[in-house]
């Protein structure tokens, strides 16, 4: 059995064309390609959230509960979530809303009722 020699591949056939010379066919190759316009991906559509109208209100709160409100603000800050008083009140409202009727009545029953209206300060009399 005789083996037939395998011809060696030439570097000019398998390798890239020399950088210094460009053949006429290589010059036409880019022009021969069909140019496809690049289109940007469509921007995601943003659906605006319906804006809740803000309502400004004032209320009276006992000093002891106000201190708790401030302590909750500090607690949130230590947990790396700075929070405003209004956010704490809104979170409390959401928590009350999520309660069962029995738990809700227990929470409301634990809070003493206070006199409504603005607290009376020192009387201002014109002398």
N, C-alpha and C. Protein backbone atom coordinates (compact mmCIF):
# COMPACT_ATOMS: atom_id res chain seq x y z
N UNK A 1 0.82 -1.15 0.00
CA UNK A 1 0.00 0.00 0.00
C UNK A 1 0.88 1.24 0.00
N UNK A 2 0.63 2.12 -0.89
CA UNK A 2 1.44 3.32 -0.96
C UNK A 2 0.58 4.53 -0.60
N UNK A 3 1.17 5.38 0.16
CA UNK A 3 0.44 6.58 0.57
C UNK A 3 0.68 7.67 -0.44
N UNK A 4 -0.40 8.34 -0.75
CA UNK A 4 -0.23 9.46 -1.66
C UNK A 4 0.07 10.69 -0.83
N UNK A 5 1.03 11.44 -1.22
CA UNK A 5 1.38 12.62 -0.45
C UNK A 5 0.26 13.66 -0.50
N UNK A 6 0.00 14.26 0.65
CA UNK A 6 -1.01 15.30 0.75
C UNK A 6 -0.35 16.62 0.39
N UNK A 7 -0.93 17.32 -0.58
CA UNK A 7 -0.30 18.59 -0.96
C UNK A 7 -0.41 19.60 0.17
N UNK A 8 0.64 20.37 0.36
CA UNK A 8 0.65 21.42 1.38
C UNK A 8 -0.15 22.61 0.88
N UNK A 9 -0.86 23.23 1.82
CA UNK A 9 -1.64 24.40 1.46
C UNK A 9 -0.72 25.59 1.35
N UNK A 10 -0.97 26.38 0.38
CA UNK A 10 -0.15 27.56 0.16
C UNK A 10 -0.65 28.68 1.09
N UNK A 11 0.25 29.48 1.57
CA UNK A 11 -0.08 30.60 2.45
C UNK A 11 -0.89 31.65 1.71
N UNK A 12 -0.72 31.74 0.43
CA UNK A 12 -1.44 32.76 -0.34
C UNK A 12 -2.90 32.36 -0.53
N UNK A 13 -3.19 31.08 -0.51
CA UNK A 13 -4.57 30.65 -0.71
C UNK A 13 -5.36 30.79 0.60
N UNK A 14 -4.80 30.30 1.70
CA UNK A 14 -5.54 30.29 2.95
C UNK A 14 -5.42 31.60 3.73
N UNK A 15 -4.34 32.32 3.58
CA UNK A 15 -4.10 33.52 4.39
C UNK A 15 -4.82 34.72 3.84
N UNK A 16 -4.83 35.78 4.59
CA UNK A 16 -5.47 37.01 4.11
C UNK A 16 -4.63 37.67 3.03
N UNK A 17 -5.24 38.51 2.28
CA UNK A 17 -4.54 39.21 1.21
C UNK A 17 -3.51 40.13 1.83
N UNK A 18 -2.41 40.36 1.17
CA UNK A 18 -1.40 41.26 1.72
C UNK A 18 -1.97 42.66 1.92
N UNK A 19 -1.53 43.30 2.99
CA UNK A 19 -2.06 44.61 3.36
C UNK A 19 -1.59 45.70 2.41
N UNK A 20 -0.46 45.52 1.79
CA UNK A 20 0.08 46.58 0.94
C UNK A 20 -0.58 46.62 -0.42
N UNK A 21 -1.00 45.49 -0.93
CA UNK A 21 -1.65 45.47 -2.24
C UNK A 21 -3.13 45.12 -2.07
N UNK A 22 -3.97 45.82 -2.79
CA UNK A 22 -5.38 45.46 -2.80
C UNK A 22 -5.75 45.13 -4.23
N UNK A 23 -6.40 44.02 -4.37
CA UNK A 23 -6.79 43.59 -5.72
C UNK A 23 -8.05 44.33 -6.14
N UNK A 24 -8.30 44.40 -7.40
CA UNK A 24 -9.52 45.07 -7.87
C UNK A 24 -10.77 44.40 -7.31
N UNK A 25 -10.73 43.09 -7.12
CA UNK A 25 -11.90 42.39 -6.58
C UNK A 25 -12.13 42.78 -5.12
N UNK A 26 -11.03 42.99 -4.36
CA UNK A 26 -11.16 43.37 -2.96
C UNK A 26 -11.73 44.78 -2.83
N UNK A 27 -11.38 45.66 -3.79
CA UNK A 27 -11.92 47.01 -3.75
C UNK A 27 -13.42 47.02 -4.01
N UNK A 28 -13.89 46.11 -4.84
CA UNK A 28 -15.31 46.08 -5.19
C UNK A 28 -16.14 45.34 -4.14
N UNK A 29 -15.51 44.54 -3.32
CA UNK A 29 -16.26 43.73 -2.36
C UNK A 29 -17.12 44.56 -1.41
N UNK A 30 -16.58 45.62 -0.79
CA UNK A 30 -17.45 46.40 0.09
C UNK A 30 -18.59 47.06 -0.67
N UNK A 31 -18.36 47.50 -1.87
CA UNK A 31 -19.41 48.14 -2.64
C UNK A 31 -20.44 47.12 -3.09
N UNK A 32 -20.04 45.86 -3.21
CA UNK A 32 -20.95 44.84 -3.67
C UNK A 32 -21.94 44.44 -2.57
N UNK A 33 -21.59 44.70 -1.32
CA UNK A 33 -22.50 44.36 -0.23
C UNK A 33 -23.71 45.28 -0.25
N UNK A 34 -24.83 44.72 0.10
CA UNK A 34 -26.03 45.53 0.16
C UNK A 34 -26.03 46.29 1.48
N UNK A 35 -26.17 47.58 1.41
CA UNK A 35 -26.17 48.38 2.62
C UNK A 35 -27.56 48.32 3.24
N UNK A 36 -27.57 47.94 4.51
CA UNK A 36 -28.82 47.87 5.26
C UNK A 36 -28.80 49.01 6.26
N UNK A 37 -29.79 49.87 6.21
CA UNK A 37 -29.79 50.99 7.16
C UNK A 37 -29.94 50.47 8.59
N UNK A 38 -29.15 51.06 9.47
CA UNK A 38 -29.22 50.67 10.88
C UNK A 38 -30.30 51.51 11.53
N UNK A 39 -31.26 50.82 12.09
CA UNK A 39 -32.34 51.53 12.76
C UNK A 39 -32.22 51.31 14.25
N UNK A 40 -32.44 52.35 14.97
CA UNK A 40 -32.38 52.25 16.43
C UNK A 40 -33.61 51.50 16.92
N UNK A 41 -33.44 50.81 18.02
CA UNK A 41 -34.58 50.11 18.60
C UNK A 41 -35.61 51.15 19.02
N UNK A 42 -36.87 50.83 18.84
CA UNK A 42 -37.88 51.82 19.22
C UNK A 42 -37.83 52.08 20.72
N UNK A 43 -38.03 53.32 21.07
CA UNK A 43 -38.00 53.70 22.49
C UNK A 43 -39.17 53.04 23.20
N UNK A 44 -38.93 52.56 24.42
CA UNK A 44 -40.05 51.94 25.14
C UNK A 44 -41.12 52.98 25.42
N UNK A 45 -42.35 52.57 25.23
CA UNK A 45 -43.43 53.51 25.49
C UNK A 45 -43.63 53.65 26.99
N UNK A 46 -43.70 54.87 27.42
CA UNK A 46 -43.86 55.17 28.83
C UNK A 46 -45.32 55.52 29.06
N UNK A 47 -45.96 54.73 29.89
CA UNK A 47 -47.35 55.01 30.22
C UNK A 47 -47.35 55.87 31.47
N UNK A 48 -47.82 57.10 31.36
CA UNK A 48 -47.80 57.97 32.55
C UNK A 48 -48.77 57.45 33.60
N UNK A 49 -48.30 57.49 34.85
CA UNK A 49 -49.16 57.09 35.96
C UNK A 49 -50.18 58.20 36.17
N UNK A 50 -51.38 57.81 36.51
CA UNK A 50 -52.34 58.87 36.82
C UNK A 50 -51.88 59.59 38.08
N UNK A 51 -51.82 60.89 38.00
CA UNK A 51 -51.31 61.66 39.14
C UNK A 51 -52.39 61.78 40.20
N UNK A 52 -51.99 61.47 41.43
CA UNK A 52 -52.89 61.70 42.55
C UNK A 52 -52.77 63.15 42.94
N UNK A 53 -53.90 63.77 43.11
CA UNK A 53 -53.89 65.15 43.53
C UNK A 53 -53.47 65.19 44.99
N UNK A 54 -52.53 66.04 45.34
CA UNK A 54 -52.06 66.16 46.70
C UNK A 54 -53.00 67.04 47.50
N UNK A 55 -53.20 66.64 48.73
CA UNK A 55 -54.07 67.39 49.63
C UNK A 55 -53.23 67.82 50.82
N UNK A 56 -53.27 69.09 51.13
CA UNK A 56 -52.54 69.62 52.28
C UNK A 56 -53.49 69.63 53.47
N UNK A 57 -53.00 69.14 54.59
CA UNK A 57 -53.85 69.06 55.78
C UNK A 57 -53.00 69.36 57.00
N UNK A 58 -53.65 69.73 58.06
CA UNK A 58 -52.94 69.92 59.34
C UNK A 58 -53.73 69.20 60.41
N UNK A 59 -53.05 68.72 61.40
CA UNK A 59 -53.71 68.00 62.46
C UNK A 59 -52.91 68.15 63.74
N UNK A 60 -53.54 67.81 64.84
CA UNK A 60 -52.90 67.90 66.14
C UNK A 60 -52.51 66.49 66.56
N UNK A 61 -51.31 66.35 67.08
CA UNK A 61 -50.81 65.05 67.52
C UNK A 61 -50.15 65.23 68.89
N UNK A 62 -50.37 64.31 69.81
CA UNK A 62 -49.72 64.44 71.11
C UNK A 62 -48.19 64.41 70.98
N UNK A 63 -47.54 65.14 71.85
CA UNK A 63 -46.07 65.23 71.83
C UNK A 63 -45.43 63.84 71.91
N UNK A 64 -45.98 62.95 72.72
CA UNK A 64 -45.40 61.61 72.87
C UNK A 64 -45.44 60.83 71.54
N UNK A 65 -46.49 61.01 70.76
CA UNK A 65 -46.59 60.33 69.46
C UNK A 65 -45.71 61.02 68.42
N UNK A 66 -45.56 62.33 68.56
CA UNK A 66 -44.67 63.06 67.65
C UNK A 66 -43.22 62.60 67.85
N UNK A 67 -42.85 62.33 69.11
CA UNK A 67 -41.51 61.83 69.42
C UNK A 67 -41.31 60.46 68.76
N UNK A 68 -42.36 59.63 68.78
CA UNK A 68 -42.27 58.31 68.13
C UNK A 68 -42.09 58.48 66.62
N UNK A 69 -42.78 59.45 66.07
CA UNK A 69 -42.66 59.73 64.64
C UNK A 69 -41.21 60.11 64.29
N UNK A 70 -40.60 60.96 65.11
CA UNK A 70 -39.20 61.33 64.90
C UNK A 70 -38.27 60.13 65.07
N UNK A 71 -38.56 59.27 66.04
CA UNK A 71 -37.75 58.06 66.25
C UNK A 71 -37.84 57.12 65.05
N UNK A 72 -39.02 57.05 64.45
CA UNK A 72 -39.19 56.21 63.25
C UNK A 72 -38.40 56.78 62.07
N UNK A 73 -38.34 58.11 61.98
CA UNK A 73 -37.53 58.74 60.93
C UNK A 73 -36.06 58.38 61.11
N UNK A 74 -35.57 58.44 62.36
CA UNK A 74 -34.17 58.07 62.63
C UNK A 74 -33.92 56.60 62.34
N UNK A 75 -34.88 55.76 62.70
CA UNK A 75 -34.76 54.31 62.43
C UNK A 75 -34.64 54.05 60.93
N UNK A 76 -35.45 54.73 60.15
CA UNK A 76 -35.41 54.57 58.70
C UNK A 76 -34.07 55.05 58.15
N UNK A 77 -33.54 56.14 58.70
CA UNK A 77 -32.25 56.66 58.24
C UNK A 77 -31.13 55.68 58.56
N UNK A 78 -31.18 55.05 59.75
CA UNK A 78 -30.16 54.05 60.11
C UNK A 78 -30.23 52.83 59.21
N UNK A 79 -31.42 52.55 58.70
CA UNK A 79 -31.61 51.43 57.77
C UNK A 79 -31.35 51.85 56.33
N UNK A 80 -30.72 53.00 56.17
CA UNK A 80 -30.34 53.56 54.87
C UNK A 80 -31.55 53.81 53.98
N UNK A 81 -32.62 54.27 54.59
CA UNK A 81 -33.82 54.64 53.85
C UNK A 81 -34.40 55.91 54.48
N UNK A 82 -33.73 57.07 54.23
CA UNK A 82 -34.25 58.32 54.79
C UNK A 82 -35.72 58.49 54.39
N UNK A 83 -36.53 58.89 55.34
CA UNK A 83 -37.96 58.97 55.14
C UNK A 83 -38.51 60.27 55.71
N UNK A 84 -39.48 60.80 55.03
CA UNK A 84 -40.15 62.02 55.50
C UNK A 84 -41.32 61.63 56.41
N UNK A 85 -41.75 62.57 57.23
CA UNK A 85 -42.88 62.31 58.12
C UNK A 85 -44.12 61.90 57.32
N UNK A 86 -44.34 62.58 56.21
CA UNK A 86 -45.54 62.26 55.42
C UNK A 86 -45.46 60.83 54.88
N UNK A 87 -44.25 60.36 54.55
CA UNK A 87 -44.11 58.97 54.07
C UNK A 87 -44.42 57.99 55.18
N UNK A 88 -43.99 58.30 56.41
CA UNK A 88 -44.30 57.43 57.54
C UNK A 88 -45.81 57.39 57.79
N UNK A 89 -46.46 58.53 57.73
CA UNK A 89 -47.90 58.57 57.93
C UNK A 89 -48.62 57.78 56.84
N UNK A 90 -48.17 57.92 55.60
CA UNK A 90 -48.78 57.18 54.50
C UNK A 90 -48.55 55.69 54.63
N UNK A 91 -47.36 55.29 55.12
CA UNK A 91 -47.09 53.87 55.36
C UNK A 91 -47.99 53.34 56.46
N UNK A 92 -48.22 54.14 57.49
CA UNK A 92 -49.13 53.75 58.56
C UNK A 92 -50.55 53.58 58.06
N UNK A 93 -50.98 54.47 57.19
CA UNK A 93 -52.32 54.37 56.60
C UNK A 93 -52.42 53.09 55.77
N UNK A 94 -51.38 52.80 55.01
CA UNK A 94 -51.39 51.58 54.20
C UNK A 94 -51.44 50.33 55.08
N UNK A 95 -50.71 50.37 56.21
CA UNK A 95 -50.71 49.23 57.14
C UNK A 95 -52.09 49.07 57.78
N UNK A 96 -52.72 50.17 58.17
CA UNK A 96 -54.07 50.10 58.73
C UNK A 96 -55.07 49.56 57.70
N UNK A 97 -54.91 49.99 56.48
CA UNK A 97 -55.82 49.56 55.42
C UNK A 97 -55.70 48.06 55.15
N UNK A 98 -54.51 47.51 55.34
CA UNK A 98 -54.27 46.09 55.06
C UNK A 98 -54.76 45.18 56.19
N UNK A 99 -55.08 45.76 57.36
CA UNK A 99 -55.51 44.97 58.52
C UNK A 99 -56.92 44.42 58.35
N UNK A 100 -57.15 43.34 59.07
CA UNK A 100 -58.51 42.83 59.15
C UNK A 100 -59.33 43.81 59.99
N UNK A 101 -60.64 43.69 59.95
CA UNK A 101 -61.49 44.59 60.73
C UNK A 101 -61.19 44.48 62.22
N UNK A 102 -60.97 43.26 62.69
CA UNK A 102 -60.71 43.05 64.11
C UNK A 102 -59.39 43.73 64.53
N UNK A 103 -58.33 43.55 63.74
CA UNK A 103 -57.04 44.17 64.05
C UNK A 103 -57.13 45.69 63.92
N UNK A 104 -57.88 46.16 62.93
CA UNK A 104 -58.06 47.60 62.73
C UNK A 104 -58.73 48.22 63.95
N UNK A 105 -59.83 47.59 64.43
CA UNK A 105 -60.54 48.12 65.59
C UNK A 105 -59.66 48.08 66.84
N UNK A 106 -58.81 47.07 66.96
CA UNK A 106 -57.90 46.99 68.10
C UNK A 106 -56.87 48.12 68.05
N UNK A 107 -56.35 48.42 66.87
CA UNK A 107 -55.36 49.49 66.72
C UNK A 107 -55.99 50.85 67.00
N UNK A 108 -57.19 51.06 66.50
CA UNK A 108 -57.89 52.33 66.73
C UNK A 108 -58.26 52.46 68.20
N UNK A 109 -58.66 51.37 68.82
CA UNK A 109 -59.03 51.39 70.23
C UNK A 109 -57.87 51.67 71.15
N UNK A 110 -56.65 51.38 70.72
CA UNK A 110 -55.46 51.61 71.55
C UNK A 110 -55.03 53.08 71.55
N UNK A 111 -55.58 53.87 70.67
CA UNK A 111 -55.21 55.28 70.57
C UNK A 111 -56.27 56.12 71.27
N UNK A 112 -55.89 56.93 72.26
CA UNK A 112 -56.90 57.77 72.93
C UNK A 112 -57.34 58.90 72.01
N UNK A 113 -58.59 59.28 72.14
CA UNK A 113 -59.13 60.38 71.36
C UNK A 113 -58.62 61.69 71.95
N UNK A 114 -58.35 62.65 71.08
CA UNK A 114 -57.88 63.95 71.54
C UNK A 114 -58.83 65.04 71.05
N UNK A 115 -58.78 66.18 71.72
CA UNK A 115 -59.61 67.31 71.34
C UNK A 115 -59.14 67.84 69.99
N UNK A 116 -60.06 68.07 69.09
CA UNK A 116 -59.70 68.56 67.76
C UNK A 116 -59.49 70.06 67.78
N UNK A 117 -58.84 70.54 66.77
CA UNK A 117 -58.59 71.97 66.63
C UNK A 117 -57.16 72.32 66.99
N UNK A 118 -56.81 73.57 66.78
CA UNK A 118 -55.46 74.03 67.09
C UNK A 118 -55.31 74.22 68.59
N UNK A 119 -54.11 73.85 69.10
CA UNK A 119 -53.90 74.08 70.53
C UNK A 119 -53.82 75.59 70.81
N UNK A 120 -54.33 75.97 71.96
CA UNK A 120 -54.32 77.39 72.30
C UNK A 120 -52.93 77.74 72.82
N UNK A 121 -52.36 78.75 72.26
CA UNK A 121 -51.05 79.22 72.69
C UNK A 121 -51.23 80.38 73.66
N UNK A 122 -50.13 81.03 73.99
CA UNK A 122 -50.24 82.22 74.87
C UNK A 122 -51.11 83.26 74.18
N UNK A 123 -51.96 83.86 74.96
CA UNK A 123 -52.90 84.83 74.37
C UNK A 123 -52.12 86.08 73.95
N UNK A 124 -52.50 86.56 72.81
CA UNK A 124 -51.86 87.78 72.31
C UNK A 124 -52.83 88.93 72.55
N UNK A 125 -52.46 89.77 73.46
CA UNK A 125 -53.33 90.91 73.74
C UNK A 125 -52.58 92.18 73.38
N UNK A 126 -53.31 93.09 72.85
CA UNK A 126 -52.71 94.38 72.47
C UNK A 126 -52.78 95.30 73.68
N UNK A 127 -51.67 95.74 74.15
CA UNK A 127 -51.64 96.66 75.29
C UNK A 127 -51.19 98.02 74.89
